[in-house]
Amino acid sequence: MGRVCLGMAAVLLLVSCRQDDPPAVPDEVPTPTKSASATPVPVSGARAVVEETGDFLFEYSYPEEAGNIPELAARLGDRLDASRAEIAAQSAEAREIAHDDGFPFNKYSISTTWEVVADTPRFLSLSSSFESYTGGAHGIYGYDTLVWDREAGRAMEPADFFTSLDALDQVLAEQFCETLNAERAKRRGEAVEEGSEDMFDQCVPLSDTTVLLGSSGGTVFDRIGIQVGPYVAGPYAEGSFEFTFPVTPAVMEVVKEDYRSAFAAR
């Protein structure tokens, strides 16, 4: 799924993840728990897991809206377990190698946060951001997304709503590329050279980005977010890029017929 932030995501409410914790008092934010291993998925509500060992720091959270859908909570819980298992194995191996080679070991870390992008009667659109460090000069970060279809009880990719991602790319390409180059020019202090063959001067296909479905009123999808991660549109020092574009009549033309009622042009 997605790749590699967006201002339309809602603020995430973090709560404790253990099933045996007492119910949260309204208007209070419980402190995330530390866990020796992956914990059971709560019946409902937000979830936040924090675990720190001598080898790694692991953090994973998702919002109440996702936790209130049991099937979605289970899916995100599976991802949590897989992410924790991976960093535990990687960090243990790295510590052993560092010890054998006589080098200091730097603790690994990974933090994943899911947030609500849009919550319509049928669909819950989510985005996630992650940051990880597994040695080297600096860490890395990236993005992911999914849309939960309450009616069908399944997870979807934003691309699934369109006749094809290429078709959406063709509709948005000109506006997206102009907006991307304008932001590049701000960050670099000079315009992108026309005709440049530098990889960081090229336009970026949507297949190399994370596409998000957003809603201004919570009824239908009427905006599209595009997140571009580090090393995709520029060097690491330039950071990531985030843009939001309205759903237009041209975009509506490439929405699959089965989902057109879930969209509206602005």
Protein backbone atom coordinates (compact mmCIF):
# COMPACT_ATOMS: atom_id res chain seq x y z
CA MET A 1 0.00 0.00 0.00
CA GLY A 2 0.85 3.57 0.27
CA ARG A 3 4.33 4.94 0.41
CA VAL A 4 5.62 7.92 1.74
CA CYS A 5 2.02 13.34 5.42
CA LEU A 6 -1.30 15.37 5.09
CA GLY A 7 -2.77 18.36 6.84
CA MET A 8 -6.29 17.07 6.59
CA ALA A 9 -5.71 14.22 9.05
CA ALA A 10 -7.53 14.57 12.37
CA VAL A 11 -5.72 14.76 15.70
CA LEU A 12 -5.14 11.29 17.08
CA LEU A 13 -6.39 10.41 20.56
CA LEU A 14 -4.05 7.95 22.26
CA VAL A 15 -5.37 5.59 24.88
CA SER A 16 -4.24 2.52 26.81
CA CYS A 17 -4.22 -0.77 24.97
CA ARG A 18 -4.75 -3.43 27.67
CA GLN A 19 -8.08 -5.18 27.83
CA ASP A 20 -8.05 -5.34 31.63
CA ASP A 21 -7.67 -1.57 32.08
CA PRO A 22 -10.73 0.18 33.60
CA PRO A 23 -12.89 2.21 31.19
CA ALA A 24 -11.48 5.64 30.42
CA VAL A 25 -13.06 8.55 32.26
CA PRO A 26 -14.71 10.90 29.75
CA ASP A 27 -12.54 13.83 28.65
CA GLU A 28 -9.40 12.17 30.05
CA VAL A 29 -6.56 10.83 27.93
CA PRO A 30 -5.07 7.64 29.43
CA THR A 31 -1.33 7.15 29.28
CA PRO A 32 -0.21 4.58 26.68
CA THR A 33 0.95 1.36 28.28
CA LYS A 34 4.30 -0.33 27.99
CA SER A 35 4.13 -3.89 26.79
CA ALA A 36 6.48 -6.85 26.96
CA SER A 37 4.81 -8.27 23.86
CA ALA A 38 1.98 -7.51 21.46
CA THR A 39 -1.24 -7.05 23.41
CA PRO A 40 -4.78 -8.19 22.55
CA VAL A 41 -6.86 -5.89 20.39
CA PRO A 42 -9.39 -3.99 22.51
CA VAL A 43 -13.07 -4.47 21.79
CA SER A 44 -13.43 -0.82 20.85
CA GLY A 45 -11.73 2.53 21.07
CA ALA A 46 -8.31 3.89 20.27
CA ARG A 47 -5.19 1.89 20.91
CA ALA A 48 -1.63 2.91 21.70
CA VAL A 49 1.21 0.50 22.36
CA VAL A 50 4.59 1.64 23.63
CA GLU A 51 7.38 -0.84 24.30
CA GLU A 52 11.01 -0.10 25.02
CA THR A 53 13.74 -2.69 25.58
CA GLY A 54 17.50 -2.59 25.50
CA ASP A 55 17.34 -3.30 21.78
CA PHE A 56 14.46 -1.22 20.48
CA LEU A 57 11.72 1.35 21.01
CA PHE A 58 8.38 0.36 19.47
CA GLU A 59 5.30 2.58 19.20
CA TYR A 60 2.06 1.91 17.35
CA SER A 61 -1.33 3.62 17.60
CA TYR A 62 -4.65 3.98 15.85
CA PRO A 63 -7.70 6.18 16.54
CA GLU A 64 -11.04 5.42 18.13
CA GLU A 65 -12.87 5.45 14.81
CA ALA A 66 -10.75 2.52 13.61
CA GLY A 67 -10.88 0.68 16.92
CA ASN A 68 -14.68 0.80 16.92
CA ILE A 69 -14.74 -1.43 13.82
CA PRO A 70 -13.74 -4.91 15.07
CA GLU A 71 -12.57 -6.24 11.69
CA LEU A 72 -10.46 -3.14 11.07
CA ALA A 73 -9.05 -3.19 14.60
CA ALA A 74 -8.04 -6.81 14.06
CA ARG A 75 -6.33 -5.94 10.76
CA LEU A 76 -4.39 -3.09 12.32
CA GLY A 77 -3.57 -5.32 15.29
CA ASP A 78 -2.05 -7.87 12.92
CA ARG A 79 0.09 -5.15 11.39
CA LEU A 80 1.15 -4.06 14.86
CA ASP A 81 2.24 -7.60 15.73
CA ALA A 82 4.15 -8.01 12.47
CA SER A 83 5.92 -4.65 12.87
CA ARG A 84 6.94 -5.43 16.44
CA ALA A 85 8.19 -8.89 15.54
CA GLU A 86 10.26 -7.48 12.70
CA ILE A 87 12.01 -4.79 14.73
CA ALA A 88 12.63 -7.21 17.60
CA ALA A 89 14.33 -9.67 15.25
CA GLN A 90 16.29 -7.00 13.35
CA SER A 91 17.55 -5.23 16.46
CA ALA A 92 18.59 -8.47 18.18
CA GLU A 93 20.58 -9.50 15.12
CA ALA A 94 22.17 -6.04 14.80
CA ARG A 95 23.19 -6.05 18.47
CA GLU A 96 24.85 -9.44 18.05
CA ILE A 97 26.72 -8.33 14.95
CA ALA A 98 27.87 -5.11 16.65
CA HIS A 99 29.09 -7.09 19.65
CA ASP A 100 31.01 -9.57 17.48
CA ASP A 101 32.61 -6.76 15.48
CA GLY A 102 33.45 -4.67 18.53
CA PHE A 103 31.20 -1.74 17.60
CA PRO A 104 28.69 0.09 19.79
CA PHE A 105 25.05 -0.77 19.15
CA ASN A 106 22.55 2.03 18.62
CA LYS A 107 19.04 1.13 19.70
CA TYR A 108 16.54 0.64 16.88
CA SER A 109 13.15 2.35 16.84
CA ILE A 110 9.92 2.46 14.90
CA SER A 111 6.81 4.57 15.48
CA THR A 112 3.60 4.18 13.47
CA THR A 113 0.59 6.48 13.86
CA TRP A 114 -2.75 6.02 12.09
CA GLU A 115 -5.08 9.02 11.76
CA VAL A 116 -8.49 9.74 10.30
CA VAL A 117 -8.50 11.56 6.97
CA ALA A 118 -12.25 11.35 6.36
CA ASP A 119 -15.20 9.63 8.03
CA THR A 120 -18.25 9.40 5.77
CA PRO A 121 -21.38 7.31 6.35
CA ARG A 122 -19.97 4.41 4.33
CA PHE A 123 -16.20 4.88 4.32
CA LEU A 124 -13.47 5.52 6.88
CA SER A 125 -10.36 6.93 5.19
CA LEU A 126 -7.15 6.55 7.16
CA SER A 127 -3.54 7.60 6.74
CA SER A 128 -0.48 6.50 8.64
CA SER A 129 2.97 7.91 9.11
CA PHE A 130 5.96 6.01 10.37
CA GLU A 131 9.46 6.88 11.50
CA SER A 132 12.15 4.28 11.96
CA TYR A 133 15.82 4.07 12.80
CA THR A 134 17.81 0.95 12.04
CA GLY A 135 21.33 2.29 12.12
CA GLY A 136 23.08 4.67 9.77
CA ALA A 137 23.38 8.43 9.67
CA HIS A 138 19.67 9.09 10.09
CA GLY A 139 16.32 7.39 10.24
CA ILE A 140 13.69 7.16 7.55
CA TYR A 141 10.00 7.96 7.45
CA GLY A 142 7.11 7.18 5.19
CA TYR A 143 3.35 6.90 4.74
CA ASP A 144 0.54 4.45 4.17
CA THR A 145 -3.21 4.57 3.71
CA LEU A 146 -6.35 2.47 3.60
CA VAL A 147 -10.06 3.06 3.26
CA TRP A 148 -12.51 0.87 5.16
CA ASP A 149 -15.78 0.09 3.41
CA ARG A 150 -18.37 -0.39 6.18
CA GLU A 151 -20.94 -1.71 3.74
CA ALA A 152 -18.68 -4.41 2.30
CA GLY A 153 -16.67 -4.95 5.48
CA ARG A 154 -13.32 -4.74 3.74
CA ALA A 155 -10.21 -2.62 3.37
CA MET A 156 -9.58 -0.81 0.11
CA GLU A 157 -6.82 1.17 -1.53
CA PRO A 158 -7.72 4.67 -2.73
CA ALA A 159 -6.76 3.49 -6.23
CA ASP A 160 -9.58 0.93 -6.06
CA PHE A 161 -12.12 3.76 -6.40
CA PHE A 162 -10.85 4.78 -9.84
CA THR A 163 -10.83 3.11 -13.22
CA SER A 164 -7.06 3.01 -12.78
CA LEU A 165 -4.35 4.92 -10.96
CA ASP A 166 -2.92 5.87 -14.35
CA ALA A 167 -6.25 7.41 -15.31
CA LEU A 168 -6.28 9.52 -12.14
CA ASP A 169 -2.64 10.41 -12.77
CA GLN A 170 -3.48 11.73 -16.23
CA VAL A 171 -6.21 13.95 -14.79
CA LEU A 172 -4.08 15.38 -11.99
CA ALA A 173 -0.64 15.32 -13.64
CA GLU A 174 -0.45 18.89 -14.96
CA GLN A 175 -1.71 20.53 -11.76
CA PHE A 176 0.30 18.22 -9.53
CA CYS A 177 3.55 18.71 -11.43
CA GLU A 178 3.19 22.50 -11.49
CA THR A 179 2.45 22.57 -7.77
CA LEU A 180 5.35 20.24 -7.01
CA ASN A 181 7.81 22.32 -9.02
CA ALA A 182 6.60 25.53 -7.35
CA GLU A 183 7.28 23.99 -3.94
CA ARG A 184 10.65 22.66 -5.09
CA ALA A 185 11.60 26.18 -6.21
CA LYS A 186 10.70 27.59 -2.78
CA ARG A 187 12.84 25.04 -0.98
CA ARG A 188 15.77 25.26 -3.38
CA GLY A 189 15.75 28.98 -3.93
CA GLU A 190 15.65 28.54 -7.69
CA ALA A 191 13.26 27.26 -10.29
CA VAL A 192 13.47 23.74 -11.63
CA GLU A 193 15.37 23.84 -14.90
CA GLU A 194 13.10 23.09 -17.83
CA GLY A 195 14.19 19.95 -19.63
CA SER A 196 16.47 18.87 -16.78
CA GLU A 197 17.28 15.18 -16.68
CA ASP A 198 18.09 15.23 -12.95
CA MET A 199 15.95 12.61 -11.23
CA PHE A 200 14.90 15.12 -8.57
CA ASP A 201 13.66 17.55 -11.22
CA GLN A 202 11.26 15.06 -12.77
CA CYS A 203 7.56 14.90 -12.11
CA VAL A 204 6.48 12.04 -9.86
CA PRO A 205 3.91 9.44 -10.91
CA LEU A 206 1.10 8.79 -8.46
CA SER A 207 2.32 5.21 -8.19
CA ASP A 208 5.35 6.59 -6.29
CA THR A 209 3.20 8.58 -3.86
CA THR A 210 0.54 7.96 -1.23
CA VAL A 211 -2.93 9.00 -2.39
CA LEU A 212 -5.51 9.93 0.24
CA LEU A 213 -9.26 10.42 -0.04
CA GLY A 214 -10.54 13.37 1.99
CA SER A 215 -13.84 15.05 2.73
CA SER A 216 -14.54 18.67 3.66
CA GLY A 217 -17.98 17.93 5.10
CA GLY A 218 -17.88 14.30 6.19
CA THR A 219 -20.50 13.22 3.66
CA VAL A 220 -18.65 12.48 0.42
CA PHE A 221 -15.07 12.48 -0.83
CA ASP A 222 -14.39 15.86 -2.40
CA ARG A 223 -10.62 16.22 -2.18
CA ILE A 224 -7.55 14.15 -2.94
CA GLY A 225 -4.35 14.31 -0.95
CA ILE A 226 -0.96 13.37 -2.32
CA GLN A 227 2.00 12.63 -0.04
CA VAL A 228 5.48 12.41 -1.52
CA GLY A 229 8.12 10.90 0.73
CA PRO A 230 11.84 11.57 1.08
CA TYR A 231 14.09 10.63 -1.82
CA VAL A 232 11.10 10.53 -4.19
CA ALA A 233 10.87 14.14 -5.42
CA GLY A 234 14.05 15.50 -3.91
CA PRO A 235 17.02 14.70 -1.68
CA TYR A 236 16.45 13.73 1.95
CA ALA A 237 17.25 17.28 3.12
CA GLU A 238 14.22 18.64 1.21
CA GLY A 239 11.89 16.44 3.21
CA SER A 240 8.48 15.26 2.09
CA PHE A 241 5.83 17.07 0.05
CA GLU A 242 2.09 17.21 0.76
CA PHE A 243 -0.62 18.57 -1.50
CA THR A 244 -4.41 18.62 -1.59
CA PHE A 245 -6.45 18.91 -4.76
CA PRO A 246 -10.23 19.21 -5.18
CA VAL A 247 -12.30 16.52 -6.81
CA THR A 248 -13.25 18.07 -10.15
CA PRO A 249 -15.64 16.96 -12.89
CA ALA A 250 -12.61 15.54 -14.69
CA VAL A 251 -11.74 13.46 -11.62
CA MET A 252 -15.34 12.28 -11.38
CA GLU A 253 -15.04 10.87 -14.89
CA VAL A 254 -12.37 8.39 -13.76
CA VAL A 255 -14.20 7.31 -10.58
CA LYS A 256 -15.66 3.82 -10.99
CA GLU A 257 -19.41 3.92 -11.50
CA ASP A 258 -20.04 1.85 -8.38
CA TYR A 259 -18.43 4.55 -6.20
CA ARG A 260 -19.52 7.78 -7.88
CA SER A 261 -22.19 8.40 -5.24
CA ALA A 262 -19.38 8.50 -2.65
CA PHE A 263 -17.73 11.44 -4.45
CA ALA A 264 -18.70 15.01 -5.31
CA ALA A 265 -16.97 17.64 -7.42
CA ARG A 266 -16.07 20.95 -5.81
